[in-house]
């Protein structure tokens, strides 16, 4: 399974399967820079894991056009990731 931000694969024939979304959130567990960065990464990792699990469930070979969005509230980081599952 591969994930790429490239919107298409040049020179490879593939069939798009479905647009996928992954959403993750993580409690912001402190105010130190290290804790904030850890929380940010945890939210992103959760979203990516969801995206990849959906792709595997579809029998996809990879996900193209992956892009990220993250937002923050006073106590949580919310991460969203989106891409198109493909099959060779």
N, C-alpha and C. Protein backbone atom coordinates (compact mmCIF):
# COMPACT_ATOMS: atom_id res chain seq x y z
N UNK A 1 0.85 -1.17 0.00
CA UNK A 1 0.00 0.00 0.00
C UNK A 1 0.89 1.23 0.00
N UNK A 2 0.61 2.17 -0.87
CA UNK A 2 1.35 3.42 -0.86
C UNK A 2 0.37 4.58 -0.79
N UNK A 3 0.85 5.68 -0.26
CA UNK A 3 0.10 6.94 -0.21
C UNK A 3 0.98 8.00 -0.85
N UNK A 4 0.40 8.82 -1.72
CA UNK A 4 1.17 9.88 -2.35
C UNK A 4 0.32 11.13 -2.50
N UNK A 5 0.98 12.27 -2.46
CA UNK A 5 0.27 13.52 -2.68
C UNK A 5 0.11 13.83 -4.17
N UNK A 6 0.77 13.06 -5.02
CA UNK A 6 0.64 13.25 -6.47
C UNK A 6 -0.81 13.01 -6.89
N UNK A 7 -1.35 13.89 -7.74
CA UNK A 7 -2.76 13.74 -8.13
C UNK A 7 -3.00 12.61 -9.13
N UNK A 8 -1.94 12.15 -9.81
CA UNK A 8 -2.07 11.01 -10.72
C UNK A 8 -0.71 10.35 -10.88
N UNK A 9 -0.70 9.18 -11.47
CA UNK A 9 0.54 8.44 -11.68
C UNK A 9 0.81 8.39 -13.18
N UNK A 10 1.84 9.05 -13.61
CA UNK A 10 2.19 9.11 -15.02
C UNK A 10 2.81 7.78 -15.43
N UNK A 11 2.35 7.24 -16.54
CA UNK A 11 2.91 6.01 -17.08
C UNK A 11 2.37 4.74 -16.47
N UNK A 12 1.43 4.84 -15.56
CA UNK A 12 0.83 3.65 -14.94
C UNK A 12 -0.67 3.66 -15.20
N UNK A 13 -1.19 2.55 -15.63
CA UNK A 13 -2.64 2.43 -15.82
C UNK A 13 -3.26 2.02 -14.48
N UNK A 14 -4.29 2.74 -14.08
CA UNK A 14 -4.96 2.41 -12.84
C UNK A 14 -6.43 2.79 -12.93
N UNK A 15 -7.20 2.24 -12.02
CA UNK A 15 -8.64 2.51 -11.96
C UNK A 15 -8.94 3.16 -10.62
N UNK A 16 -9.52 4.36 -10.63
CA UNK A 16 -9.92 4.97 -9.35
C UNK A 16 -11.06 4.17 -8.73
N UNK A 17 -10.99 3.95 -7.44
CA UNK A 17 -12.02 3.18 -6.76
C UNK A 17 -13.00 4.09 -6.01
N UNK A 18 -12.47 4.93 -5.15
CA UNK A 18 -13.35 5.79 -4.35
C UNK A 18 -12.52 6.85 -3.64
N UNK A 19 -13.12 8.00 -3.41
CA UNK A 19 -12.50 9.03 -2.59
C UNK A 19 -12.68 8.63 -1.14
N UNK A 20 -11.61 8.72 -0.38
CA UNK A 20 -11.62 8.30 1.02
C UNK A 20 -11.34 9.47 1.94
N UNK A 21 -11.86 9.39 3.15
CA UNK A 21 -11.62 10.41 4.17
C UNK A 21 -11.18 9.72 5.46
N UNK A 22 -10.24 10.32 6.13
CA UNK A 22 -9.87 9.86 7.46
C UNK A 22 -9.90 11.05 8.40
N UNK A 23 -10.43 10.86 9.57
CA UNK A 23 -10.50 11.96 10.55
C UNK A 23 -9.92 11.45 11.86
N UNK A 24 -9.05 12.25 12.43
CA UNK A 24 -8.46 11.90 13.70
C UNK A 24 -8.49 13.08 14.64
N UNK A 25 -8.49 12.83 15.91
CA UNK A 25 -8.40 13.92 16.87
C UNK A 25 -7.55 13.46 18.04
N UNK A 26 -6.98 14.40 18.71
CA UNK A 26 -6.12 14.10 19.84
C UNK A 26 -6.26 15.20 20.86
N UNK A 27 -6.42 14.81 22.11
CA UNK A 27 -6.49 15.78 23.18
C UNK A 27 -5.15 16.49 23.30
N UNK A 28 -5.19 17.78 23.38
CA UNK A 28 -3.98 18.58 23.55
C UNK A 28 -3.57 18.46 25.02
N UNK A 29 -2.56 17.62 25.27
CA UNK A 29 -2.28 17.20 26.64
C UNK A 29 -1.29 18.08 27.39
N UNK A 30 -1.08 19.27 26.96
CA UNK A 30 -0.17 20.16 27.68
C UNK A 30 0.12 21.39 26.87
N UNK A 31 0.86 22.29 27.44
CA UNK A 31 1.13 23.54 26.74
C UNK A 31 2.58 23.63 26.26
N UNK A 32 3.41 22.64 26.60
CA UNK A 32 4.79 22.70 26.13
C UNK A 32 4.83 22.41 24.63
N UNK A 33 5.81 22.94 23.97
CA UNK A 33 5.93 22.76 22.52
C UNK A 33 6.02 21.27 22.17
N UNK A 34 6.75 20.51 22.96
CA UNK A 34 6.90 19.08 22.71
C UNK A 34 5.55 18.37 22.77
N UNK A 35 4.75 18.66 23.79
CA UNK A 35 3.43 18.03 23.94
C UNK A 35 2.49 18.42 22.81
N UNK A 36 2.55 19.67 22.39
CA UNK A 36 1.70 20.13 21.29
C UNK A 36 2.07 19.41 20.00
N UNK A 37 3.35 19.28 19.73
CA UNK A 37 3.80 18.58 18.52
C UNK A 37 3.39 17.11 18.58
N UNK A 38 3.53 16.48 19.73
CA UNK A 38 3.11 15.08 19.89
C UNK A 38 1.62 14.92 19.61
N UNK A 39 0.81 15.84 20.11
CA UNK A 39 -0.63 15.78 19.89
C UNK A 39 -0.96 15.96 18.42
N UNK A 40 -0.28 16.87 17.76
CA UNK A 40 -0.48 17.12 16.33
C UNK A 40 -0.18 15.86 15.53
N UNK A 41 0.97 15.24 15.80
CA UNK A 41 1.34 14.01 15.10
C UNK A 41 0.37 12.87 15.38
N UNK A 42 -0.10 12.76 16.60
CA UNK A 42 -1.04 11.69 16.94
C UNK A 42 -2.35 11.85 16.17
N UNK A 43 -2.84 13.07 16.04
CA UNK A 43 -4.08 13.32 15.28
C UNK A 43 -3.88 12.96 13.81
N UNK A 44 -2.75 13.35 13.24
CA UNK A 44 -2.47 13.05 11.84
C UNK A 44 -2.30 11.54 11.63
N UNK A 45 -1.61 10.88 12.53
CA UNK A 45 -1.41 9.43 12.40
C UNK A 45 -2.74 8.70 12.46
N UNK A 46 -3.63 9.12 13.33
CA UNK A 46 -4.94 8.49 13.43
C UNK A 46 -5.73 8.64 12.13
N UNK A 47 -5.71 9.83 11.56
CA UNK A 47 -6.41 10.08 10.30
C UNK A 47 -5.82 9.24 9.17
N UNK A 48 -4.50 9.16 9.09
CA UNK A 48 -3.85 8.37 8.04
C UNK A 48 -4.14 6.88 8.21
N UNK A 49 -4.17 6.40 9.44
CA UNK A 49 -4.48 4.99 9.68
C UNK A 49 -5.90 4.66 9.20
N UNK A 50 -6.83 5.56 9.45
CA UNK A 50 -8.20 5.34 8.98
C UNK A 50 -8.26 5.30 7.46
N UNK A 51 -7.56 6.24 6.82
CA UNK A 51 -7.54 6.30 5.35
C UNK A 51 -6.96 5.01 4.78
N UNK A 52 -5.84 4.58 5.32
CA UNK A 52 -5.20 3.37 4.82
C UNK A 52 -6.06 2.13 5.07
N UNK A 53 -6.70 2.04 6.22
CA UNK A 53 -7.57 0.89 6.52
C UNK A 53 -8.74 0.82 5.53
N UNK A 54 -9.31 1.96 5.18
CA UNK A 54 -10.39 1.98 4.20
C UNK A 54 -9.89 1.51 2.84
N UNK A 55 -8.70 1.97 2.45
CA UNK A 55 -8.13 1.57 1.16
C UNK A 55 -7.87 0.07 1.12
N UNK A 56 -7.32 -0.47 2.18
CA UNK A 56 -7.08 -1.92 2.26
C UNK A 56 -8.40 -2.67 2.16
N UNK A 57 -9.42 -2.17 2.84
CA UNK A 57 -10.74 -2.79 2.79
C UNK A 57 -11.34 -2.83 1.40
N UNK A 58 -10.98 -1.86 0.57
CA UNK A 58 -11.46 -1.83 -0.81
C UNK A 58 -10.62 -2.69 -1.75
N UNK A 59 -9.49 -3.19 -1.25
CA UNK A 59 -8.57 -3.93 -2.11
C UNK A 59 -7.71 -3.02 -2.96
N UNK A 60 -7.53 -1.79 -2.54
CA UNK A 60 -6.75 -0.81 -3.31
C UNK A 60 -5.26 -1.14 -3.24
N UNK A 61 -4.54 -0.71 -4.27
CA UNK A 61 -3.09 -0.84 -4.28
C UNK A 61 -2.42 0.40 -3.70
N UNK A 62 -3.13 1.51 -3.68
CA UNK A 62 -2.57 2.74 -3.15
C UNK A 62 -3.61 3.84 -3.09
N UNK A 63 -3.17 5.00 -2.62
CA UNK A 63 -4.03 6.18 -2.53
C UNK A 63 -3.25 7.35 -3.13
N UNK A 64 -3.86 8.02 -4.09
CA UNK A 64 -3.23 9.18 -4.73
C UNK A 64 -3.96 10.46 -4.32
N UNK A 65 -3.31 11.60 -4.55
CA UNK A 65 -3.93 12.89 -4.27
C UNK A 65 -4.19 13.12 -2.80
N UNK A 66 -3.36 12.55 -1.94
CA UNK A 66 -3.56 12.68 -0.50
C UNK A 66 -3.28 14.11 -0.07
N UNK A 67 -4.22 14.69 0.65
CA UNK A 67 -3.97 16.01 1.22
C UNK A 67 -4.55 16.08 2.63
N UNK A 68 -3.97 16.98 3.41
CA UNK A 68 -4.21 17.05 4.84
C UNK A 68 -4.81 18.39 5.22
N UNK A 69 -5.54 18.37 6.32
CA UNK A 69 -6.04 19.59 6.94
C UNK A 69 -6.02 19.35 8.44
N UNK A 70 -5.62 20.35 9.18
CA UNK A 70 -5.61 20.20 10.64
C UNK A 70 -6.12 21.49 11.26
N UNK A 71 -6.89 21.36 12.31
CA UNK A 71 -7.37 22.53 13.03
C UNK A 71 -7.24 22.27 14.52
N UNK A 72 -7.33 23.32 15.27
CA UNK A 72 -7.09 23.22 16.71
C UNK A 72 -8.16 23.99 17.45
N UNK A 73 -8.61 23.40 18.54
CA UNK A 73 -9.46 24.13 19.48
C UNK A 73 -8.63 24.33 20.74
N UNK A 74 -9.24 24.79 21.78
CA UNK A 74 -8.48 25.01 23.01
C UNK A 74 -8.00 23.71 23.64
N UNK A 75 -8.63 22.58 23.30
CA UNK A 75 -8.23 21.33 23.94
C UNK A 75 -7.99 20.16 22.99
N UNK A 76 -8.28 20.29 21.70
CA UNK A 76 -8.12 19.19 20.75
C UNK A 76 -7.47 19.66 19.46
N UNK A 77 -6.77 18.72 18.81
CA UNK A 77 -6.36 18.86 17.42
C UNK A 77 -7.24 17.95 16.60
N UNK A 78 -7.79 18.45 15.51
CA UNK A 78 -8.58 17.66 14.58
C UNK A 78 -7.82 17.59 13.27
N UNK A 79 -7.61 16.39 12.76
CA UNK A 79 -6.91 16.20 11.50
C UNK A 79 -7.84 15.51 10.52
N UNK A 80 -7.80 15.95 9.29
CA UNK A 80 -8.55 15.30 8.22
C UNK A 80 -7.60 15.03 7.07
N UNK A 81 -7.76 13.88 6.47
CA UNK A 81 -6.95 13.51 5.32
C UNK A 81 -7.89 12.94 4.25
N UNK A 82 -7.58 13.22 3.00
CA UNK A 82 -8.45 12.82 1.91
C UNK A 82 -7.59 12.34 0.74
N UNK A 83 -8.05 11.36 0.01
CA UNK A 83 -7.34 10.87 -1.17
C UNK A 83 -8.22 9.93 -1.96
N UNK A 84 -7.73 9.52 -3.12
CA UNK A 84 -8.47 8.62 -4.00
C UNK A 84 -7.80 7.25 -4.02
N UNK A 85 -8.52 6.23 -3.61
CA UNK A 85 -8.01 4.86 -3.65
C UNK A 85 -7.96 4.40 -5.10
N UNK A 86 -6.87 3.69 -5.46
CA UNK A 86 -6.71 3.21 -6.83
C UNK A 86 -6.34 1.73 -6.85
N UNK A 87 -6.62 1.11 -7.99
CA UNK A 87 -6.27 -0.30 -8.22
C UNK A 87 -5.55 -0.37 -9.56
N UNK A 88 -4.41 -1.06 -9.58
CA UNK A 88 -3.68 -1.25 -10.85
C UNK A 88 -4.29 -2.37 -11.64
